[in-house]
């Protein structure tokens, strides 16, 4: 049996950079992340990667909404 080694960090952005990522880029990265997650579905790595992906999307969406609403 052979195993393919996945580099799940290929599309990861440093945690500090997540605050600066725009929504379109976040969606693009999430699509790639989801492809990788499906390859190792049911593993701890997939669960962790899904959590990171969700956090990135949530931060990008929050920033997008805040930018649209402006100062209140």
C-alpha atoms as a PDB file:
ATOM      1  CA  UNK A   1       0.000   0.000   0.000  1.00  0.00           C
ATOM      2  CA  UNK A   2       1.365   3.406  -0.884  1.00  0.00           C
ATOM      3  CA  UNK A   3       0.364   6.767   0.489  1.00  0.00           C
ATOM      4  CA  UNK A   4       0.339  10.138  -1.128  1.00  0.00           C
ATOM      5  CA  UNK A   5       1.795  12.819   1.104  1.00  0.00           C
ATOM      6  CA  UNK A   6      -0.340  15.922   1.053  1.00  0.00           C
ATOM      7  CA  UNK A   7       1.127  19.319   1.750  1.00  0.00           C
ATOM      8  CA  UNK A   8      -1.879  20.910   3.382  1.00  0.00           C
ATOM      9  CA  UNK A   9       0.021  24.135   3.919  1.00  0.00           C
ATOM     10  CA  UNK A  10       0.412  24.866   0.198  1.00  0.00           C
ATOM     11  CA  UNK A  11      -2.462  27.348   0.245  1.00  0.00           C
ATOM     12  CA  UNK A  12      -2.400  28.403   3.876  1.00  0.00           C
ATOM     13  CA  UNK A  13      -1.913  31.996   4.761  1.00  0.00           C
ATOM     14  CA  UNK A  14      -0.198  33.013   7.993  1.00  0.00           C
ATOM     15  CA  UNK A  15      -2.707  33.643  10.756  1.00  0.00           C
ATOM     16  CA  UNK A  16      -1.793  37.331  10.911  1.00  0.00           C
ATOM     17  CA  UNK A  17      -2.405  37.713   7.182  1.00  0.00           C
ATOM     18  CA  UNK A  18      -5.942  36.320   7.443  1.00  0.00           C
ATOM     19  CA  UNK A  19      -7.117  39.711   8.660  1.00  0.00           C
ATOM     20  CA  UNK A  20      -5.905  41.253   5.406  1.00  0.00           C
ATOM     21  CA  UNK A  21      -7.205  38.671   2.936  1.00  0.00           C
ATOM     22  CA  UNK A  22     -10.041  39.816   0.698  1.00  0.00           C
ATOM     23  CA  UNK A  23     -13.222  37.800   0.312  1.00  0.00           C
ATOM     24  CA  UNK A  24     -12.574  36.697  -3.284  1.00  0.00           C
ATOM     25  CA  UNK A  25      -9.114  35.389  -2.401  1.00  0.00           C
ATOM     26  CA  UNK A  26     -10.512  33.647   0.683  1.00  0.00           C
ATOM     27  CA  UNK A  27     -13.110  31.845  -1.428  1.00  0.00           C
ATOM     28  CA  UNK A  28     -10.447  30.809  -3.947  1.00  0.00           C
ATOM     29  CA  UNK A  29      -8.226  29.446  -1.167  1.00  0.00           C
ATOM     30  CA  UNK A  30     -11.211  27.701   0.459  1.00  0.00           C
ATOM     31  CA  UNK A  31     -12.019  25.870  -2.781  1.00  0.00           C
ATOM     32  CA  UNK A  32      -8.468  24.541  -2.892  1.00  0.00           C
ATOM     33  CA  UNK A  33      -8.589  23.696   0.814  1.00  0.00           C
ATOM     34  CA  UNK A  34     -11.822  21.752   0.375  1.00  0.00           C
ATOM     35  CA  UNK A  35     -10.292  19.668  -2.420  1.00  0.00           C
ATOM     36  CA  UNK A  36      -7.427  18.741  -0.088  1.00  0.00           C
ATOM     37  CA  UNK A  37      -9.792  18.045   2.812  1.00  0.00           C
ATOM     38  CA  UNK A  38     -11.789  15.624   0.686  1.00  0.00           C
ATOM     39  CA  UNK A  39      -8.615  13.672  -0.111  1.00  0.00           C
ATOM     40  CA  UNK A  40      -8.022  12.920   3.564  1.00  0.00           C
ATOM     41  CA  UNK A  41     -11.644  12.953   4.751  1.00  0.00           C
ATOM     42  CA  UNK A  42     -12.236  11.492   8.195  1.00  0.00           C
ATOM     43  CA  UNK A  43      -8.746  12.160   9.516  1.00  0.00           C
ATOM     44  CA  UNK A  44      -7.618  14.537  12.225  1.00  0.00           C
ATOM     45  CA  UNK A  45      -5.653  16.469   9.601  1.00  0.00           C
ATOM     46  CA  UNK A  46      -8.822  17.025   7.565  1.00  0.00           C
ATOM     47  CA  UNK A  47     -10.711  18.226  10.647  1.00  0.00           C
ATOM     48  CA  UNK A  48      -7.965  20.690  11.579  1.00  0.00           C
ATOM     49  CA  UNK A  49      -7.683  21.928   8.015  1.00  0.00           C
ATOM     50  CA  UNK A  50     -11.461  22.436   7.822  1.00  0.00           C
ATOM     51  CA  UNK A  51     -11.347  24.497  11.030  1.00  0.00           C
ATOM     52  CA  UNK A  52      -8.554  26.675   9.617  1.00  0.00           C
ATOM     53  CA  UNK A  53     -10.483  27.133   6.380  1.00  0.00           C
ATOM     54  CA  UNK A  54     -13.651  28.122   8.258  1.00  0.00           C
ATOM     55  CA  UNK A  55     -11.723  30.634  10.378  1.00  0.00           C
ATOM     56  CA  UNK A  56     -10.134  32.197   7.295  1.00  0.00           C
ATOM     57  CA  UNK A  57     -13.519  32.528   5.570  1.00  0.00           C
ATOM     58  CA  UNK A  58     -15.164  33.954   8.687  1.00  0.00           C
ATOM     59  CA  UNK A  59     -12.427  36.577   9.093  1.00  0.00           C
ATOM     60  CA  UNK A  60     -12.519  37.560   5.421  1.00  0.00           C
ATOM     61  CA  UNK A  61     -16.316  37.803   5.455  1.00  0.00           C
ATOM     62  CA  UNK A  62     -16.304  39.880   8.651  1.00  0.00           C
ATOM     63  CA  UNK A  63     -13.747  42.248   7.161  1.00  0.00           C
ATOM     64  CA  UNK A  64     -15.786  42.513   3.949  1.00  0.00           C
ATOM     65  CA  UNK A  65     -18.945  43.387   5.897  1.00  0.00           C
ATOM     66  CA  UNK A  66     -17.110  45.870   8.131  1.00  0.00           C
ATOM     67  CA  UNK A  67     -15.592  47.597   5.073  1.00  0.00           C
ATOM     68  CA  UNK A  68     -19.044  47.882   3.461  1.00  0.00           C
ATOM     69  CA  UNK A  69     -20.730  49.254   6.573  1.00  0.00           C
ATOM     70  CA  UNK A  70     -17.913  51.688   7.347  1.00  0.00           C
ATOM     71  CA  UNK A  71     -17.514  53.424  10.708  1.00  0.00           C
ATOM     72  CA  UNK A  72     -20.636  53.501  12.830  1.00  0.00           C
END
